[in-house]
Amino acid sequence: MKAKHNCVICGKEHSVCSKYSDCPNKRGWGKMCDTEQHFEILQAINRLEAKTITPKVFTAELTAMGLTYDNVEEFLPNISKYLRKYLKKDTIKQATPKEQKEEVPVE
């Protein structure tokens, strides 16, 4: 039986299995968030709050996830406000290591 949960990052309702063993794709993050990226954001927030990472590292992680000051508006208001404290208005998406490899010119 699937239960309904709301994502703690964006608030979107999603279905989750009542037992982890019943879930075909074993998404452990599904009880808290509707997407894996939203769970990664939640983990980064938790690490910052636990002081296991610095605000600078937190900002770098958010930027590496492709988050900017403007595109966090789709999240819950408290999450958006929290993230915007660390993302500057002029934050530009930085290329991930995979994207950097793809941008190497071919001769």
N, C-alpha and C. Protein backbone atom coordinates (compact mmCIF):
# COMPACT_ATOMS: atom_id res chain seq x y z
N MET A 1 0.84 -1.19 0.00
CA MET A 1 0.00 0.00 0.00
C MET A 1 0.88 1.24 0.00
N LYS A 2 0.54 2.17 -0.86
CA LYS A 2 1.34 3.39 -0.96
C LYS A 2 0.72 4.51 -0.14
N ALA A 3 1.58 5.18 0.61
CA ALA A 3 1.15 6.32 1.41
C ALA A 3 1.49 7.60 0.65
N LYS A 4 0.85 8.68 1.02
CA LYS A 4 1.13 9.98 0.41
C LYS A 4 1.99 10.79 1.38
N HIS A 5 3.03 11.40 0.84
CA HIS A 5 3.91 12.27 1.62
C HIS A 5 4.11 13.56 0.84
N ASN A 6 4.50 14.60 1.54
CA ASN A 6 4.84 15.85 0.89
C ASN A 6 6.35 16.04 0.98
N CYS A 7 6.95 16.45 -0.13
CA CYS A 7 8.38 16.70 -0.18
C CYS A 7 8.71 17.84 0.78
N VAL A 8 9.75 17.67 1.60
CA VAL A 8 10.13 18.70 2.57
C VAL A 8 10.84 19.87 1.90
N ILE A 9 11.22 19.72 0.64
CA ILE A 9 11.89 20.80 -0.08
C ILE A 9 10.89 21.61 -0.91
N CYS A 10 10.07 20.95 -1.72
CA CYS A 10 9.16 21.67 -2.61
C CYS A 10 7.69 21.60 -2.19
N GLY A 11 7.35 20.66 -1.32
CA GLY A 11 5.98 20.52 -0.86
C GLY A 11 5.09 19.65 -1.73
N LYS A 12 5.62 19.16 -2.85
CA LYS A 12 4.83 18.36 -3.78
C LYS A 12 4.46 17.02 -3.15
N GLU A 13 3.19 16.65 -3.31
CA GLU A 13 2.73 15.37 -2.79
C GLU A 13 3.21 14.25 -3.71
N HIS A 14 3.66 13.15 -3.10
CA HIS A 14 4.09 12.00 -3.89
C HIS A 14 3.79 10.72 -3.12
N SER A 15 3.69 9.64 -3.85
CA SER A 15 3.40 8.34 -3.23
C SER A 15 4.68 7.65 -2.82
N VAL A 16 4.64 6.99 -1.68
CA VAL A 16 5.77 6.18 -1.24
C VAL A 16 5.23 4.87 -0.70
N CYS A 17 6.06 3.85 -0.76
CA CYS A 17 5.67 2.55 -0.22
C CYS A 17 5.67 2.61 1.29
N SER A 18 4.74 1.89 1.91
CA SER A 18 4.70 1.90 3.37
C SER A 18 5.85 1.11 3.96
N LYS A 19 6.36 0.13 3.20
CA LYS A 19 7.52 -0.64 3.65
C LYS A 19 8.62 -0.53 2.60
N TYR A 20 9.83 -0.27 3.07
CA TYR A 20 10.97 -0.13 2.17
C TYR A 20 11.13 -1.37 1.29
N SER A 21 10.91 -2.54 1.86
CA SER A 21 11.09 -3.78 1.10
C SER A 21 10.06 -3.93 -0.02
N ASP A 22 8.95 -3.21 0.06
CA ASP A 22 7.92 -3.27 -0.98
C ASP A 22 8.22 -2.36 -2.17
N CYS A 23 9.15 -1.44 -2.01
CA CYS A 23 9.46 -0.48 -3.07
C CYS A 23 10.34 -1.14 -4.13
N PRO A 24 9.90 -1.15 -5.37
CA PRO A 24 10.67 -1.81 -6.42
C PRO A 24 12.03 -1.16 -6.67
N ASN A 25 12.13 0.15 -6.52
CA ASN A 25 13.40 0.81 -6.82
C ASN A 25 14.19 1.17 -5.56
N LYS A 26 13.70 0.79 -4.38
CA LYS A 26 14.42 0.97 -3.11
C LYS A 26 14.88 2.42 -2.90
N ARG A 27 13.98 3.35 -3.15
CA ARG A 27 14.29 4.76 -2.95
C ARG A 27 14.15 5.11 -1.48
N GLY A 28 15.20 5.02 -0.73
CA GLY A 28 15.15 5.36 0.68
C GLY A 28 14.83 6.81 0.92
N TRP A 29 15.19 7.65 -0.03
CA TRP A 29 14.95 9.08 0.12
C TRP A 29 13.50 9.47 -0.12
N GLY A 30 12.70 8.57 -0.65
CA GLY A 30 11.33 8.87 -1.04
C GLY A 30 10.40 9.24 0.10
N LYS A 31 10.73 8.86 1.31
CA LYS A 31 9.86 9.22 2.44
C LYS A 31 9.95 10.70 2.77
N MET A 32 11.08 11.32 2.43
CA MET A 32 11.28 12.73 2.76
C MET A 32 11.09 13.66 1.56
N CYS A 33 11.50 13.20 0.40
CA CYS A 33 11.56 14.07 -0.78
C CYS A 33 10.98 13.37 -2.00
N ASP A 34 10.55 14.17 -2.96
CA ASP A 34 9.97 13.60 -4.17
C ASP A 34 11.00 13.29 -5.25
N THR A 35 12.20 13.87 -5.14
CA THR A 35 13.26 13.56 -6.11
C THR A 35 14.57 13.36 -5.37
N GLU A 36 15.47 12.69 -6.03
CA GLU A 36 16.79 12.46 -5.43
C GLU A 36 17.54 13.78 -5.23
N GLN A 37 17.39 14.72 -6.17
CA GLN A 37 18.07 16.01 -6.01
C GLN A 37 17.55 16.75 -4.78
N HIS A 38 16.25 16.69 -4.54
CA HIS A 38 15.71 17.36 -3.37
C HIS A 38 16.25 16.72 -2.09
N PHE A 39 16.46 15.41 -2.12
CA PHE A 39 17.06 14.74 -0.96
C PHE A 39 18.51 15.19 -0.77
N GLU A 40 19.24 15.38 -1.87
CA GLU A 40 20.62 15.87 -1.77
C GLU A 40 20.65 17.27 -1.17
N ILE A 41 19.67 18.11 -1.52
CA ILE A 41 19.58 19.45 -0.94
C ILE A 41 19.32 19.34 0.55
N LEU A 42 18.40 18.47 0.93
CA LEU A 42 18.09 18.25 2.35
C LEU A 42 19.32 17.79 3.12
N GLN A 43 20.08 16.86 2.53
CA GLN A 43 21.30 16.38 3.19
C GLN A 43 22.31 17.51 3.36
N ALA A 44 22.46 18.35 2.37
CA ALA A 44 23.39 19.47 2.45
C ALA A 44 22.97 20.44 3.56
N ILE A 45 21.66 20.71 3.65
CA ILE A 45 21.15 21.58 4.72
C ILE A 45 21.45 20.96 6.08
N ASN A 46 21.21 19.67 6.20
CA ASN A 46 21.46 18.98 7.48
C ASN A 46 22.94 19.03 7.85
N ARG A 47 23.83 18.86 6.87
CA ARG A 47 25.27 18.91 7.17
C ARG A 47 25.68 20.32 7.61
N LEU A 48 25.10 21.34 6.98
CA LEU A 48 25.40 22.72 7.38
C LEU A 48 24.90 22.98 8.79
N GLU A 49 23.68 22.58 9.08
CA GLU A 49 23.11 22.79 10.41
C GLU A 49 23.88 22.03 11.49
N ALA A 50 24.42 20.88 11.13
CA ALA A 50 25.21 20.09 12.09
C ALA A 50 26.65 20.58 12.17
N LYS A 51 26.97 21.60 11.36
CA LYS A 51 28.30 22.19 11.30
C LYS A 51 29.39 21.19 10.87
N THR A 52 29.01 20.25 10.02
CA THR A 52 30.00 19.32 9.47
C THR A 52 30.56 19.85 8.15
N ILE A 53 29.92 20.89 7.60
CA ILE A 53 30.47 21.61 6.45
C ILE A 53 30.35 23.11 6.73
N THR A 54 31.17 23.87 6.04
CA THR A 54 31.15 25.33 6.20
C THR A 54 30.12 25.93 5.25
N PRO A 55 29.71 27.17 5.51
CA PRO A 55 28.80 27.84 4.57
C PRO A 55 29.38 27.91 3.15
N LYS A 56 30.69 28.08 3.04
CA LYS A 56 31.33 28.14 1.72
C LYS A 56 31.16 26.80 0.98
N VAL A 57 31.37 25.70 1.69
CA VAL A 57 31.21 24.37 1.08
C VAL A 57 29.74 24.15 0.71
N PHE A 58 28.84 24.58 1.60
CA PHE A 58 27.40 24.45 1.35
C PHE A 58 27.02 25.18 0.06
N THR A 59 27.49 26.41 -0.08
CA THR A 59 27.20 27.19 -1.29
C THR A 59 27.76 26.50 -2.52
N ALA A 60 28.97 25.97 -2.42
CA ALA A 60 29.58 25.26 -3.55
C ALA A 60 28.75 24.03 -3.92
N GLU A 61 28.24 23.31 -2.92
CA GLU A 61 27.42 22.14 -3.20
C GLU A 61 26.12 22.54 -3.91
N LEU A 62 25.48 23.60 -3.43
CA LEU A 62 24.25 24.07 -4.05
C LEU A 62 24.49 24.47 -5.50
N THR A 63 25.58 25.19 -5.72
CA THR A 63 25.93 25.64 -7.07
C THR A 63 26.22 24.44 -7.98
N ALA A 64 26.92 23.44 -7.44
CA ALA A 64 27.22 22.23 -8.23
C ALA A 64 25.95 21.47 -8.60
N MET A 65 24.89 21.63 -7.79
CA MET A 65 23.61 20.99 -8.10
C MET A 65 22.82 21.80 -9.13
N GLY A 66 23.37 22.94 -9.53
CA GLY A 66 22.69 23.77 -10.52
C GLY A 66 21.70 24.76 -9.91
N LEU A 67 21.77 24.96 -8.60
CA LEU A 67 20.85 25.88 -7.94
C LEU A 67 21.38 27.31 -8.03
N THR A 68 20.47 28.23 -8.27
CA THR A 68 20.80 29.65 -8.30
C THR A 68 19.80 30.39 -7.42
N TYR A 69 20.08 31.64 -7.17
CA TYR A 69 19.18 32.49 -6.38
C TYR A 69 17.78 32.48 -6.97
N ASP A 70 17.70 32.51 -8.29
CA ASP A 70 16.40 32.60 -8.95
C ASP A 70 15.63 31.29 -9.07
N ASN A 71 16.34 30.17 -9.22
CA ASN A 71 15.59 28.94 -9.47
C ASN A 71 15.18 28.18 -8.21
N VAL A 72 15.41 28.74 -7.03
CA VAL A 72 14.94 28.08 -5.80
C VAL A 72 13.56 28.58 -5.40
N GLU A 73 12.99 29.48 -6.18
CA GLU A 73 11.66 30.01 -5.85
C GLU A 73 10.58 28.94 -5.94
N GLU A 74 10.85 27.84 -6.64
CA GLU A 74 9.87 26.76 -6.76
C GLU A 74 9.76 25.92 -5.48
N PHE A 75 10.68 26.14 -4.55
CA PHE A 75 10.68 25.38 -3.30
C PHE A 75 9.73 26.01 -2.29
N LEU A 76 9.50 25.32 -1.19
CA LEU A 76 8.69 25.88 -0.11
C LEU A 76 9.30 27.21 0.32
N PRO A 77 8.48 28.17 0.73
CA PRO A 77 9.00 29.50 1.07
C PRO A 77 10.13 29.50 2.10
N ASN A 78 10.03 28.68 3.14
CA ASN A 78 11.09 28.66 4.15
C ASN A 78 12.39 28.07 3.60
N ILE A 79 12.29 27.11 2.71
CA ILE A 79 13.49 26.50 2.10
C ILE A 79 14.11 27.48 1.12
N SER A 80 13.28 28.12 0.31
CA SER A 80 13.77 29.10 -0.66
C SER A 80 14.50 30.23 0.06
N LYS A 81 13.91 30.75 1.11
CA LYS A 81 14.52 31.84 1.88
C LYS A 81 15.85 31.40 2.50
N TYR A 82 15.89 30.18 3.04
CA TYR A 82 17.10 29.64 3.64
C TYR A 82 18.22 29.53 2.61
N LEU A 83 17.91 28.95 1.45
CA LEU A 83 18.93 28.75 0.42
C LEU A 83 19.42 30.08 -0.15
N ARG A 84 18.52 31.03 -0.27
CA ARG A 84 18.90 32.33 -0.82
C ARG A 84 19.86 33.09 0.07
N LYS A 85 19.92 32.74 1.36
CA LYS A 85 20.91 33.37 2.25
C LYS A 85 22.33 33.01 1.80
N TYR A 86 22.47 31.89 1.11
CA TYR A 86 23.79 31.39 0.71
C TYR A 86 24.06 31.56 -0.79
N LEU A 87 23.01 31.78 -1.56
CA LEU A 87 23.17 31.96 -3.01
C LEU A 87 23.03 33.44 -3.33
N LYS A 88 24.00 33.99 -3.98
CA LYS A 88 23.94 35.40 -4.36
C LYS A 88 23.06 35.55 -5.60
N LYS A 89 22.51 36.74 -5.77
CA LYS A 89 21.64 36.99 -6.92
C LYS A 89 22.34 36.75 -8.23
N ASP A 90 23.64 36.98 -8.27
CA ASP A 90 24.37 36.83 -9.53
C ASP A 90 25.06 35.48 -9.65
N THR A 91 24.65 34.50 -8.84
CA THR A 91 25.26 33.17 -8.91
C THR A 91 25.02 32.58 -10.29
N ILE A 92 26.08 32.12 -10.91
CA ILE A 92 25.99 31.50 -12.23
C ILE A 92 26.24 30.01 -12.05
N LYS A 93 25.46 29.21 -12.74
CA LYS A 93 25.63 27.76 -12.64
C LYS A 93 27.03 27.38 -13.09
N GLN A 94 27.73 26.65 -12.22
CA GLN A 94 29.06 26.17 -12.56
C GLN A 94 28.93 24.79 -13.19
N ALA A 95 29.81 24.50 -14.11
CA ALA A 95 29.79 23.20 -14.77
C ALA A 95 30.21 22.12 -13.79
N THR A 96 29.50 21.01 -13.85
CA THR A 96 29.88 19.85 -13.05
C THR A 96 31.09 19.21 -13.72
N PRO A 97 31.81 18.34 -12.99
CA PRO A 97 32.96 17.67 -13.61
C PRO A 97 32.59 16.95 -14.91
N LYS A 98 31.40 16.34 -14.96
CA LYS A 98 30.98 15.65 -16.17
C LYS A 98 30.81 16.64 -17.32
N GLU A 99 30.17 17.78 -17.03
CA GLU A 99 29.97 18.80 -18.06
C GLU A 99 31.30 19.38 -18.52
N GLN A 100 32.24 19.54 -17.58
CA GLN A 100 33.54 20.08 -17.93
C GLN A 100 34.25 19.15 -18.92
N LYS A 101 34.12 17.84 -18.70
CA LYS A 101 34.75 16.87 -19.61
C LYS A 101 34.12 16.96 -20.99
N GLU A 102 32.79 17.18 -21.03
CA GLU A 102 32.10 17.24 -22.32
C GLU A 102 32.43 18.48 -23.10
N GLU A 103 32.94 19.52 -22.42
CA GLU A 103 33.23 20.77 -23.10
C GLU A 103 34.64 20.83 -23.69
N VAL A 104 35.39 19.78 -23.54
CA VAL A 104 36.75 19.75 -24.09
C VAL A 104 36.65 19.73 -25.60
N PRO A 105 37.29 20.70 -26.28
CA PRO A 105 37.19 20.73 -27.75
C PRO A 105 37.85 19.54 -28.40
N VAL A 106 37.22 19.09 -29.45
CA VAL A 106 37.74 17.96 -30.21
C VAL A 106 38.47 18.51 -31.43
N GLU A 107 39.68 18.04 -31.64
CA GLU A 107 40.47 18.53 -32.79
C GLU A 107 40.24 17.70 -34.02
